[in-house]
Amino acid sequence: MPPHPKRKHSSGRRDRRRAHDALEGQNLVACSNCGEMRLPHTMCPKCGHYRNREVIDMEAAEKKKK
């Protein structure tokens, strides 16, 4: 049998332990080319631009998928 706690932890102690468990929203920034919201330090999934340069030609990528 595994060990069991000798005393019950108070609700305040339990809640202080859970204080850092809340979910946070993602930090999004607007793309400088198309204005679509994207994650920072990543290329835009809609237009393929990153730091004012076209990294991926999205039209060619869509044709390649088909």
Protein backbone atom coordinates (compact mmCIF):
# COMPACT_ATOMS: atom_id res chain seq x y z
CA MET A 1 0.00 0.00 0.00
CA PRO A 2 1.32 3.48 -0.81
CA PRO A 3 1.78 5.98 1.99
CA HIS A 4 -1.13 8.27 2.85
CA PRO A 5 -1.00 11.85 4.16
CA LYS A 6 -1.29 12.15 7.90
CA ARG A 7 -3.16 15.47 7.81
CA LYS A 8 -5.41 17.18 5.26
CA HIS A 9 -3.85 20.12 3.41
CA SER A 10 -5.82 23.32 3.89
CA SER A 11 -7.68 24.86 0.95
CA GLY A 12 -5.40 27.91 1.10
CA ARG A 13 -2.30 25.76 0.77
CA ARG A 14 -3.89 23.83 -2.11
CA ASP A 15 -4.88 27.07 -3.90
CA ARG A 16 -1.41 28.58 -3.49
CA ARG A 17 0.05 25.49 -5.14
CA ARG A 18 -2.39 25.88 -8.04
CA ALA A 19 -1.74 29.62 -8.47
CA HIS A 20 0.54 29.04 -11.49
CA ASP A 21 -1.69 26.50 -13.27
CA ALA A 22 -3.93 29.02 -15.08
CA LEU A 23 -3.78 29.04 -18.88
CA GLU A 24 -2.52 32.16 -20.63
CA GLY A 25 -3.46 33.38 -24.07
CA GLN A 26 -0.92 33.24 -26.87
CA ASN A 27 1.00 36.39 -27.67
CA LEU A 28 0.03 37.33 -31.24
CA VAL A 29 1.33 40.12 -33.47
CA ALA A 30 0.03 41.48 -36.76
CA CYS A 31 1.84 40.53 -39.98
CA SER A 32 3.52 43.58 -41.52
CA ASN A 33 2.52 42.46 -45.02
CA CYS A 34 -1.09 41.23 -44.80
CA GLY A 35 -2.16 42.21 -41.26
CA GLU A 36 -3.06 38.63 -40.28
CA MET A 37 -2.40 37.73 -36.64
CA ARG A 38 0.56 35.36 -36.21
CA LEU A 39 2.98 34.13 -33.56
CA PRO A 40 6.02 36.37 -33.04
CA HIS A 41 9.36 35.32 -34.61
CA THR A 42 7.61 33.06 -37.11
CA MET A 43 6.66 33.50 -40.75
CA CYS A 44 3.07 34.37 -41.57
CA PRO A 45 1.15 31.19 -42.46
CA LYS A 46 -1.17 33.15 -44.74
CA CYS A 47 1.22 35.14 -46.95
CA GLY A 48 4.62 33.52 -46.26
CA HIS A 49 6.43 36.74 -45.23
CA TYR A 50 8.86 37.17 -42.33
CA ARG A 51 10.61 40.42 -41.42
CA ASN A 52 9.38 42.19 -44.58
CA ARG A 53 10.70 39.45 -46.91
CA GLU A 54 8.89 36.68 -48.71
CA VAL A 55 10.22 33.44 -47.24
CA ILE A 56 7.86 31.00 -48.99
CA ASP A 57 5.88 31.53 -52.17
CA MET A 58 2.44 30.48 -50.93
CA GLU A 59 0.96 30.14 -54.44
CA ALA A 60 3.66 27.64 -55.43
CA ALA A 61 3.26 25.81 -52.11
CA GLU A 62 -0.50 25.43 -52.68
CA LYS A 63 0.05 24.14 -56.22
CA LYS A 64 2.58 21.63 -54.88
CA LYS A 65 0.02 20.35 -52.33
CA LYS A 66 -2.50 19.51 -55.06
